[in-house]
Structure formats: structure tokens, C-alpha cells
Amino acid sequence: MKTKIAIITGGSRGLGKNTALALAKKGIDVIVTYHSQQAEAADVVAQIEAAGQQAVALQLDVGDSQSFADFANQVKSALKQKWNCEHFDFLVNNAGTGVHASFAETTEVQFDEMVNIHFKGVFFLTQKLLPLLNDGGRIVNVSSGLARFALPGYAAYAAMKGGIETLTKYMAKELGARGIAVNVIAPGAIETDFGGGAVRDNPQLNQYVASQTALGRVGLPDDIGGAIASLLSEDNRWVNAQRIEVSGGMFI
């Protein structure tokens, strides 16, 4: 049986890296993208290859939609050179950065950055990659628990994630004719370097999140990567247009 191939944006660290390694353990080859962390991306490729799968790292700025056509050509070349094929099977729109600023103090520059990275980027990158995505493939868009509950300081970021959750339903509706399922994974607070590593490194914040989570702790990258890999498996082929929160039960 032909090995399946996944593209994971922002795969050099954090949840993207964890997802890439989780997919490799399930026998899936991976193309990871990185923004500036080339050495880290190369290390992820090495770990995937050590797990017995094939991998490639490609540079991508998800906030620069003008670069997507060139990126799609790079993907096409990588598929041909590495796998001798023309299509891939899974797209995980994971890449992103955070802005922590009150609604009153969020600047237009910060807002535009969130639009370009988290909303416009996902919309048009997916659009550009559609010709290379196999019929019967799957797309997972990464949202956030912050689209369901509100914590001060995340108005712009969470608004984009709310947009992604609505977009996911439309993508599922319109791509269904090709047998492509599209879902959302919404992590809760996770111990990564996201947003400056606040959840991981600030003991008070960490303790507060844990106290508001039914399972009594803050999430770890391992809690998310496996969930995404599971969602992409054949066991979940009939799950479509769904928002699946992976938060340990935050604010329930």
C-alpha cells in the first residue's frame, strides 16, 4: 500500500513538531514547513527518518500569501524528487504566532499580522495546495480553546480562530465532492514556547489553568499531536466539519 504524505505548517517546534512525530509513528511521511528555524526543522526531519519514515523541510511564511504559488511549486518538486508522485494526502494548518494585548490596546499592525497568519494564510495556502491534495484526503485546521471561552488579552488571536472554525465548515461542504474531510482541532492551554512560553514558564498562570481544567493539569504537546494523528487515521474517516477541543476539559 502506498505510503501517505502529510504537510504540516509550523512543523519545526511545538505542536507542529509533535504532530509530525506522531504521524511518523503511524507510518506517514511528512513535509514540515518552518519560518526561520531551519536547524530545528532539520532535526525534526532527522527524527522522522530515525522513526523509519521519509521527510522534507520547506521554508514558508504563512503570513505572506504572495509566496504561496512558489511554495506550491516547491511542494510539487519535493513530491516528485522524494516520493516520485504528484499528490499528498493530509494538510495540517498549524503554523501561527500569538499576540497578547487587551482589546483596547491591540494595534492595527498586530491585528493585521493575526489576519495574515491565522486567517488569510490558511484560506489561500489551502486554496493553492488543493490541486496537489489527493481526492479522499483530509485537512485539519488548528484553532484554540479561546474561540469558545474568553481570556483577556486574546481578542485578535481568538477572533481569527473563530473565523477558521466557520471557514472549516465551508471547506468541508465545498470539498466533500472530492471526498476531502475537513475538521478543526482546538487545543486548550499547552506548555510550549507559544506566546513567549507564558503558560509553561509562568507558575501562577500554569497553576490557574490547571485549576480550571477538569483533568487537573496544563496540556502538553504530546496531548495534541496524537489527537491530530488519530483524526487523520482511517478510524476517523467519517468525522467531518467538526470542532474537536483537546483541552482536558478547560472551563467546563
C-alpha atoms as a PDB file:
ATOM      1  CA  MET A   1       0.000   0.000   0.000  1.00  0.00           C
ATOM      2  CA  LYS A   2       1.251   3.462  -0.911  1.00  0.00           C
ATOM      3  CA  THR A   3       2.632   5.499   1.985  1.00  0.00           C
ATOM      4  CA  LYS A   4       0.566   8.568   2.761  1.00  0.00           C
ATOM      5  CA  ILE A   5       2.161  12.020   2.931  1.00  0.00           C
ATOM      6  CA  ALA A   6       1.229  14.901   5.232  1.00  0.00           C
ATOM      7  CA  ILE A   7       2.121  18.593   5.088  1.00  0.00           C
ATOM      8  CA  ILE A   8       2.335  20.290   8.483  1.00  0.00           C
ATOM      9  CA  THR A   9       2.845  24.043   8.611  1.00  0.00           C
ATOM     10  CA  GLY A  10       4.935  25.253  11.523  1.00  0.00           C
ATOM     11  CA  GLY A  11       6.419  21.813  11.992  1.00  0.00           C
ATOM     12  CA  SER A  12       9.807  22.778  13.420  1.00  0.00           C
ATOM     13  CA  ARG A  13       8.640  23.108  17.028  1.00  0.00           C
ATOM     14  CA  GLY A  14       5.742  22.881  19.460  1.00  0.00           C
ATOM     15  CA  LEU A  15       2.513  21.248  18.384  1.00  0.00           C
ATOM     16  CA  GLY A  16       3.568  21.010  14.738  1.00  0.00           C
ATOM     17  CA  LYS A  17       6.712  19.096  15.605  1.00  0.00           C
ATOM     18  CA  ASN A  18       4.792  16.824  17.946  1.00  0.00           C
ATOM     19  CA  THR A  19       2.189  16.150  15.265  1.00  0.00           C
ATOM     20  CA  ALA A  20       4.882  15.356  12.691  1.00  0.00           C
ATOM     21  CA  LEU A  21       6.489  12.799  15.007  1.00  0.00           C
ATOM     22  CA  ALA A  22       3.118  11.304  15.943  1.00  0.00           C
ATOM     23  CA  LEU A  23       2.254  10.841  12.268  1.00  0.00           C
ATOM     24  CA  ALA A  24       5.655   9.283  11.573  1.00  0.00           C
ATOM     25  CA  LYS A  25       4.984   6.704  14.292  1.00  0.00           C
ATOM     26  CA  LYS A  26       1.823   5.797  12.390  1.00  0.00           C
ATOM     27  CA  GLY A  27       3.766   5.204   9.178  1.00  0.00           C
ATOM     28  CA  ILE A  28       3.039   8.520   7.471  1.00  0.00           C
ATOM     29  CA  ASP A  29       5.698  10.536   5.626  1.00  0.00           C
ATOM     30  CA  VAL A  30       5.854  14.257   6.338  1.00  0.00           C
ATOM     31  CA  ILE A  31       6.673  17.593   4.738  1.00  0.00           C
ATOM     32  CA  VAL A  32       7.221  20.112   7.541  1.00  0.00           C
ATOM     33  CA  THR A  33       7.393  23.841   6.999  1.00  0.00           C
ATOM     34  CA  TYR A  34       9.394  26.294   9.062  1.00  0.00           C
ATOM     35  CA  HIS A  35       9.529  30.074   9.112  1.00  0.00           C
ATOM     36  CA  SER A  36      13.076  30.765  10.339  1.00  0.00           C
ATOM     37  CA  GLN A  37      14.087  27.758  12.465  1.00  0.00           C
ATOM     38  CA  GLN A  38      15.910  25.811   9.753  1.00  0.00           C
ATOM     39  CA  ALA A  39      18.140  23.849  12.154  1.00  0.00           C
ATOM     40  CA  GLU A  40      15.162  22.824  14.278  1.00  0.00           C
ATOM     41  CA  ALA A  41      13.273  21.740  11.159  1.00  0.00           C
ATOM     42  CA  ALA A  42      16.254  19.665  10.021  1.00  0.00           C
ATOM     43  CA  ASP A  43      16.279  17.995  13.433  1.00  0.00           C
ATOM     44  CA  VAL A  44      12.583  17.103  13.082  1.00  0.00           C
ATOM     45  CA  VAL A  45      13.329  15.587   9.650  1.00  0.00           C
ATOM     46  CA  ALA A  46      16.147  13.554  11.209  1.00  0.00           C
ATOM     47  CA  GLN A  47      13.845  12.285  13.974  1.00  0.00           C
ATOM     48  CA  ILE A  48      11.189  11.287  11.437  1.00  0.00           C
ATOM     49  CA  GLU A  49      13.785   9.443   9.359  1.00  0.00           C
ATOM     50  CA  ALA A  50      15.051   7.724  12.515  1.00  0.00           C
ATOM     51  CA  ALA A  51      11.478   6.503  13.015  1.00  0.00           C
ATOM     52  CA  GLY A  52      11.644   4.878   9.581  1.00  0.00           C
ATOM     53  CA  GLN A  53       9.695   7.410   7.544  1.00  0.00           C
ATOM     54  CA  GLN A  54      10.690   9.939   4.902  1.00  0.00           C
ATOM     55  CA  ALA A  55      10.540  13.689   5.443  1.00  0.00           C
ATOM     56  CA  VAL A  56      11.384  17.052   3.883  1.00  0.00           C
ATOM     57  CA  ALA A  57      11.558  20.546   5.415  1.00  0.00           C
ATOM     58  CA  LEU A  58      10.496  23.567   3.335  1.00  0.00           C
ATOM     59  CA  GLN A  59      10.649  27.252   4.265  1.00  0.00           C
ATOM     60  CA  LEU A  60       7.292  29.061   4.365  1.00  0.00           C
ATOM     61  CA  ASP A  61       5.975  32.328   5.743  1.00  0.00           C
ATOM     62  CA  VAL A  62       2.243  31.679   6.198  1.00  0.00           C
ATOM     63  CA  GLY A  63       1.726  35.418   6.653  1.00  0.00           C
ATOM     64  CA  ASP A  64       2.923  36.153   3.100  1.00  0.00           C
ATOM     65  CA  SER A  65       0.215  34.972   0.700  1.00  0.00           C
ATOM     66  CA  GLN A  66       2.223  36.215  -2.294  1.00  0.00           C
ATOM     67  CA  SER A  67       4.716  33.405  -1.656  1.00  0.00           C
ATOM     68  CA  PHE A  68       2.178  30.561  -1.791  1.00  0.00           C
ATOM     69  CA  ALA A  69       2.342  29.880  -5.523  1.00  0.00           C
ATOM     70  CA  ASP A  70       6.113  29.437  -5.281  1.00  0.00           C
ATOM     71  CA  PHE A  71       5.680  27.243  -2.197  1.00  0.00           C
ATOM     72  CA  ALA A  72       3.197  25.036  -4.055  1.00  0.00           C
ATOM     73  CA  ASN A  73       5.815  24.582  -6.789  1.00  0.00           C
ATOM     74  CA  GLN A  74       8.374  23.604  -4.145  1.00  0.00           C
ATOM     75  CA  VAL A  75       5.938  21.032  -2.783  1.00  0.00           C
ATOM     76  CA  LYS A  76       5.402  19.696  -6.299  1.00  0.00           C
ATOM     77  CA  SER A  77       9.155  19.320  -6.775  1.00  0.00           C
ATOM     78  CA  ALA A  78       9.632  17.675  -3.373  1.00  0.00           C
ATOM     79  CA  LEU A  79       6.854  15.169  -4.068  1.00  0.00           C
ATOM     80  CA  LYS A  80       8.456  14.258  -7.390  1.00  0.00           C
ATOM     81  CA  GLN A  81      12.035  14.043  -6.126  1.00  0.00           C
ATOM     82  CA  LYS A  82      11.424  12.351  -2.770  1.00  0.00           C
ATOM     83  CA  TRP A  83       8.366  10.230  -3.440  1.00  0.00           C
ATOM     84  CA  ASN A  84       8.059  10.100  -7.242  1.00  0.00           C
ATOM     85  CA  CYS A  85       4.431  11.171  -7.002  1.00  0.00           C
ATOM     86  CA  GLU A  86       2.332  14.254  -7.694  1.00  0.00           C
ATOM     87  CA  HIS A  87      -0.022  14.453  -4.736  1.00  0.00           C
ATOM     88  CA  PHE A  88      -0.090  14.437  -0.936  1.00  0.00           C
ATOM     89  CA  ASP A  89      -2.831  13.218   1.411  1.00  0.00           C
ATOM     90  CA  PHE A  90      -3.090  15.348   4.558  1.00  0.00           C
ATOM     91  CA  LEU A  91      -2.769  19.070   5.277  1.00  0.00           C
ATOM     92  CA  VAL A  92      -2.432  20.326   8.849  1.00  0.00           C
ATOM     93  CA  ASN A  93      -2.730  24.127   9.045  1.00  0.00           C
ATOM     94  CA  ASN A  94      -0.883  24.581  12.316  1.00  0.00           C
ATOM     95  CA  ALA A  95       1.598  27.461  11.926  1.00  0.00           C
ATOM     96  CA  GLY A  96       0.945  30.563  13.970  1.00  0.00           C
ATOM     97  CA  THR A  97       2.105  33.147  16.441  1.00  0.00           C
ATOM     98  CA  GLY A  98       0.314  34.796  19.328  1.00  0.00           C
ATOM     99  CA  VAL A  99      -0.450  38.363  20.307  1.00  0.00           C
ATOM    100  CA  HIS A 100      -1.240  39.082  23.928  1.00  0.00           C
ATOM    101  CA  ALA A 101      -2.763  42.550  24.184  1.00  0.00           C
ATOM    102  CA  SER A 102      -6.010  43.881  25.568  1.00  0.00           C
ATOM    103  CA  PHE A 103      -8.759  44.754  23.096  1.00  0.00           C
ATOM    104  CA  ALA A 104      -8.276  48.443  23.909  1.00  0.00           C
ATOM    105  CA  GLU A 105      -4.528  48.313  23.267  1.00  0.00           C
ATOM    106  CA  THR A 106      -4.315  45.990  20.228  1.00  0.00           C
ATOM    107  CA  THR A 107      -2.688  47.877  17.357  1.00  0.00           C
ATOM    108  CA  GLU A 108      -3.709  47.687  13.725  1.00  0.00           C
ATOM    109  CA  VAL A 109      -0.294  46.217  12.928  1.00  0.00           C
ATOM    110  CA  GLN A 110      -0.873  43.416  15.450  1.00  0.00           C
ATOM    111  CA  PHE A 111      -4.376  42.832  14.126  1.00  0.00           C
ATOM    112  CA  ASP A 112      -3.213  42.663  10.502  1.00  0.00           C
ATOM    113  CA  GLU A 113      -0.483  40.206  11.483  1.00  0.00           C
ATOM    114  CA  MET A 114      -3.089  37.916  13.065  1.00  0.00           C
ATOM    115  CA  VAL A 115      -5.307  38.165   9.965  1.00  0.00           C
ATOM    116  CA  ASN A 116      -2.437  37.365   7.601  1.00  0.00           C
ATOM    117  CA  ILE A 117      -1.035  34.441   9.584  1.00  0.00           C
ATOM    118  CA  HIS A 118      -4.093  32.792  11.090  1.00  0.00           C
ATOM    119  CA  PHE A 119      -6.896  33.520   8.650  1.00  0.00           C
ATOM    120  CA  LYS A 120      -5.805  34.784   5.236  1.00  0.00           C
ATOM    121  CA  GLY A 121      -2.805  32.445   5.288  1.00  0.00           C
ATOM    122  CA  VAL A 122      -4.881  29.341   5.974  1.00  0.00           C
ATOM    123  CA  PHE A 123      -7.511  30.356   3.399  1.00  0.00           C
ATOM    124  CA  PHE A 124      -5.172  30.985   0.483  1.00  0.00           C
ATOM    125  CA  LEU A 125      -2.464  28.426   1.283  1.00  0.00           C
ATOM    126  CA  THR A 126      -5.072  25.680   1.333  1.00  0.00           C
ATOM    127  CA  GLN A 127      -6.531  27.062  -1.904  1.00  0.00           C
ATOM    128  CA  LYS A 128      -3.119  26.954  -3.605  1.00  0.00           C
ATOM    129  CA  LEU A 129      -2.425  23.393  -2.408  1.00  0.00           C
ATOM    130  CA  LEU A 130      -5.811  21.947  -3.411  1.00  0.00           C
ATOM    131  CA  PRO A 131      -4.595  20.772  -6.859  1.00  0.00           C
ATOM    132  CA  LEU A 132      -1.869  18.747  -5.127  1.00  0.00           C
ATOM    133  CA  LEU A 133      -4.151  17.233  -2.460  1.00  0.00           C
ATOM    134  CA  ASN A 134      -5.432  13.754  -3.232  1.00  0.00           C
ATOM    135  CA  ASP A 135      -9.144  13.155  -3.574  1.00  0.00           C
ATOM    136  CA  GLY A 136     -10.165  11.428  -0.346  1.00  0.00           C
ATOM    137  CA  GLY A 137      -7.551  13.421   1.562  1.00  0.00           C
ATOM    138  CA  ARG A 138      -8.029  15.234   4.830  1.00  0.00           C
ATOM    139  CA  ILE A 139      -7.442  18.734   6.199  1.00  0.00           C
ATOM    140  CA  VAL A 140      -7.080  19.663   9.864  1.00  0.00           C
ATOM    141  CA  ASN A 141      -7.180  23.335  10.832  1.00  0.00           C
ATOM    142  CA  VAL A 142      -5.778  24.180  14.252  1.00  0.00           C
ATOM    143  CA  SER A 143      -7.932  26.566  16.274  1.00  0.00           C
ATOM    144  CA  SER A 144      -7.895  27.280  20.005  1.00  0.00           C
ATOM    145  CA  GLY A 145      -9.991  26.813  23.096  1.00  0.00           C
ATOM    146  CA  LEU A 146     -10.004  30.612  23.144  1.00  0.00           C
ATOM    147  CA  ALA A 147     -12.622  30.554  20.376  1.00  0.00           C
ATOM    148  CA  ARG A 148     -15.038  29.005  22.915  1.00  0.00           C
ATOM    149  CA  PHE A 149     -14.033  30.690  26.200  1.00  0.00           C
ATOM    150  CA  ALA A 150     -12.633  34.188  26.648  1.00  0.00           C
ATOM    151  CA  LEU A 151      -9.474  35.184  28.480  1.00  0.00           C
ATOM    152  CA  PRO A 152      -8.447  38.862  28.465  1.00  0.00           C
ATOM    153  CA  GLY A 153      -5.677  39.716  26.030  1.00  0.00           C
ATOM    154  CA  TYR A 154      -6.502  37.423  23.130  1.00  0.00           C
ATOM    155  CA  ALA A 155      -9.256  39.306  21.268  1.00  0.00           C
ATOM    156  CA  ALA A 156      -7.485  39.497  17.898  1.00  0.00           C
ATOM    157  CA  TYR A 157      -5.983  35.998  18.005  1.00  0.00           C
ATOM    158  CA  ALA A 158      -9.198  34.322  19.129  1.00  0.00           C
ATOM    159  CA  ALA A 159     -11.306  36.213  16.591  1.00  0.00           C
ATOM    160  CA  MET A 160      -9.161  34.744  13.803  1.00  0.00           C
ATOM    161  CA  LYS A 161      -9.609  31.267  15.251  1.00  0.00           C
ATOM    162  CA  GLY A 162     -13.365  31.804  15.339  1.00  0.00           C
ATOM    163  CA  GLY A 163     -13.130  32.658  11.653  1.00  0.00           C
ATOM    164  CA  ILE A 164     -11.171  29.471  10.999  1.00  0.00           C
ATOM    165  CA  GLU A 165     -13.851  27.397  12.690  1.00  0.00           C
ATOM    166  CA  THR A 166     -16.534  28.837  10.401  1.00  0.00           C
ATOM    167  CA  LEU A 167     -14.272  28.521   7.354  1.00  0.00           C
ATOM    168  CA  THR A 168     -13.728  24.838   8.174  1.00  0.00           C
ATOM    169  CA  LYS A 169     -17.443  24.104   7.732  1.00  0.00           C
ATOM    170  CA  TYR A 170     -17.464  25.784   4.336  1.00  0.00           C
ATOM    171  CA  MET A 171     -14.334  23.942   3.260  1.00  0.00           C
ATOM    172  CA  ALA A 172     -15.914  20.641   4.305  1.00  0.00           C
ATOM    173  CA  LYS A 173     -19.084  21.489   2.395  1.00  0.00           C
ATOM    174  CA  GLU A 174     -17.334  22.504  -0.806  1.00  0.00           C
ATOM    175  CA  LEU A 175     -14.573  19.879  -0.815  1.00  0.00           C
ATOM    176  CA  GLY A 176     -16.891  16.989   0.054  1.00  0.00           C
ATOM    177  CA  ALA A 177     -17.431  16.250  -3.629  1.00  0.00           C
ATOM    178  CA  ARG A 178     -13.752  15.263  -3.765  1.00  0.00           C
ATOM    179  CA  GLY A 179     -14.090  13.091  -0.672  1.00  0.00           C
ATOM    180  CA  ILE A 180     -11.955  15.504   1.362  1.00  0.00           C
ATOM    181  CA  ALA A 181     -12.884  15.774   5.062  1.00  0.00           C
ATOM    182  CA  VAL A 182     -12.050  18.985   6.930  1.00  0.00           C
ATOM    183  CA  ASN A 183     -12.030  19.313  10.713  1.00  0.00           C
ATOM    184  CA  VAL A 184     -10.832  21.604  13.485  1.00  0.00           C
ATOM    185  CA  ILE A 185      -8.647  20.653  16.428  1.00  0.00           C
ATOM    186  CA  ALA A 186      -8.878  23.254  19.203  1.00  0.00           C
ATOM    187  CA  PRO A 187      -6.148  22.868  21.840  1.00  0.00           C
ATOM    188  CA  GLY A 188      -6.525  24.323  25.290  1.00  0.00           C
ATOM    189  CA  ALA A 189      -3.581  25.956  27.054  1.00  0.00           C
ATOM    190  CA  ILE A 190      -0.402  24.000  26.248  1.00  0.00           C
ATOM    191  CA  GLU A 191       3.120  24.120  27.686  1.00  0.00           C
ATOM    192  CA  THR A 192       5.070  25.287  24.625  1.00  0.00           C
ATOM    193  CA  ASP A 193       7.056  28.408  23.701  1.00  0.00           C
ATOM    194  CA  PHE A 194       3.897  29.826  22.089  1.00  0.00           C
ATOM    195  CA  GLY A 195       3.188  33.393  23.180  1.00  0.00           C
ATOM    196  CA  GLY A 196       6.593  33.640  24.806  1.00  0.00           C
ATOM    197  CA  GLY A 197       6.094  30.414  26.736  1.00  0.00           C
ATOM    198  CA  ALA A 198       3.805  32.103  29.276  1.00  0.00           C
ATOM    199  CA  VAL A 199       1.725  29.011  30.106  1.00  0.00           C
ATOM    200  CA  ARG A 200       4.869  26.913  30.518  1.00  0.00           C
ATOM    201  CA  ASP A 201       7.082  29.409  32.330  1.00  0.00           C
ATOM    202  CA  ASN A 202       4.702  31.477  34.481  1.00  0.00           C
ATOM    203  CA  PRO A 203       3.940  29.380  37.602  1.00  0.00           C
ATOM    204  CA  GLN A 204       0.895  31.446  38.578  1.00  0.00           C
ATOM    205  CA  LEU A 205      -0.656  31.164  35.114  1.00  0.00           C
ATOM    206  CA  ASN A 206       0.179  27.469  34.912  1.00  0.00           C
ATOM    207  CA  GLN A 207      -1.444  26.824  38.280  1.00  0.00           C
ATOM    208  CA  TYR A 208      -4.526  28.856  37.351  1.00  0.00           C
ATOM    209  CA  VAL A 209      -5.035  26.957  34.097  1.00  0.00           C
ATOM    210  CA  ALA A 210      -4.579  23.635  35.880  1.00  0.00           C
ATOM    211  CA  SER A 211      -7.157  24.660  38.490  1.00  0.00           C
ATOM    212  CA  GLN A 212      -9.677  25.443  35.726  1.00  0.00           C
ATOM    213  CA  THR A 213      -9.107  22.161  33.862  1.00  0.00           C
ATOM    214  CA  ALA A 214     -11.170  19.097  34.738  1.00  0.00           C
ATOM    215  CA  LEU A 215      -8.184  16.754  34.433  1.00  0.00           C
ATOM    216  CA  GLY A 216      -6.185  18.990  36.780  1.00  0.00           C
ATOM    217  CA  ARG A 217      -3.126  19.961  34.762  1.00  0.00           C
ATOM    218  CA  VAL A 218      -1.962  22.065  31.832  1.00  0.00           C
ATOM    219  CA  GLY A 219      -1.792  20.418  28.428  1.00  0.00           C
ATOM    220  CA  LEU A 220       1.435  19.113  26.890  1.00  0.00           C
ATOM    221  CA  PRO A 221       2.378  18.899  23.194  1.00  0.00           C
ATOM    222  CA  ASP A 222       2.029  15.106  23.416  1.00  0.00           C
ATOM    223  CA  ASP A 223      -1.656  15.612  24.227  1.00  0.00           C
ATOM    224  CA  ILE A 224      -2.248  17.310  20.872  1.00  0.00           C
ATOM    225  CA  GLY A 225      -0.028  15.622  18.289  1.00  0.00           C
ATOM    226  CA  GLY A 226      -1.552  12.231  18.948  1.00  0.00           C
ATOM    227  CA  ALA A 227      -5.074  13.652  18.700  1.00  0.00           C
ATOM    228  CA  ILE A 228      -4.352  15.148  15.271  1.00  0.00           C
ATOM    229  CA  ALA A 229      -2.707  11.935  14.078  1.00  0.00           C
ATOM    230  CA  SER A 230      -5.736   9.982  15.297  1.00  0.00           C
ATOM    231  CA  LEU A 231      -8.122  12.341  13.497  1.00  0.00           C
ATOM    232  CA  LEU A 232      -6.228  11.701  10.253  1.00  0.00           C
ATOM    233  CA  SER A 233      -6.452   7.928  10.620  1.00  0.00           C
ATOM    234  CA  GLU A 234      -8.906   5.724   8.744  1.00  0.00           C
ATOM    235  CA  ASP A 235     -10.689   5.085  12.057  1.00  0.00           C
ATOM    236  CA  ASN A 236     -11.980   8.661  11.869  1.00  0.00           C
ATOM    237  CA  ARG A 237     -12.726   8.824   8.151  1.00  0.00           C
ATOM    238  CA  TRP A 238     -16.409   9.654   8.769  1.00  0.00           C
ATOM    239  CA  VAL A 239     -15.666  12.616  11.065  1.00  0.00           C
ATOM    240  CA  ASN A 240     -16.193  15.783   9.040  1.00  0.00           C
ATOM    241  CA  ALA A 241     -16.843  19.514   9.634  1.00  0.00           C
ATOM    242  CA  GLN A 242     -16.336  19.033  13.378  1.00  0.00           C
ATOM    243  CA  ARG A 243     -14.653  21.115  16.066  1.00  0.00           C
ATOM    244  CA  ILE A 244     -12.813  18.805  18.448  1.00  0.00           C
ATOM    245  CA  GLU A 245     -11.467  20.514  21.538  1.00  0.00           C
ATOM    246  CA  VAL A 246      -8.425  18.893  23.122  1.00  0.00           C
ATOM    247  CA  SER A 247      -8.157  20.795  26.381  1.00  0.00           C
ATOM    248  CA  GLY A 248      -8.535  18.291  29.201  1.00  0.00           C
ATOM    249  CA  GLY A 249     -11.845  19.980  29.977  1.00  0.00           C
ATOM    250  CA  MET A 250     -10.933  23.648  30.417  1.00  0.00           C
ATOM    251  CA  PHE A 251     -13.667  25.935  31.746  1.00  0.00           C
ATOM    252  CA  ILE A 252     -16.468  23.379  31.683  1.00  0.00           C
END
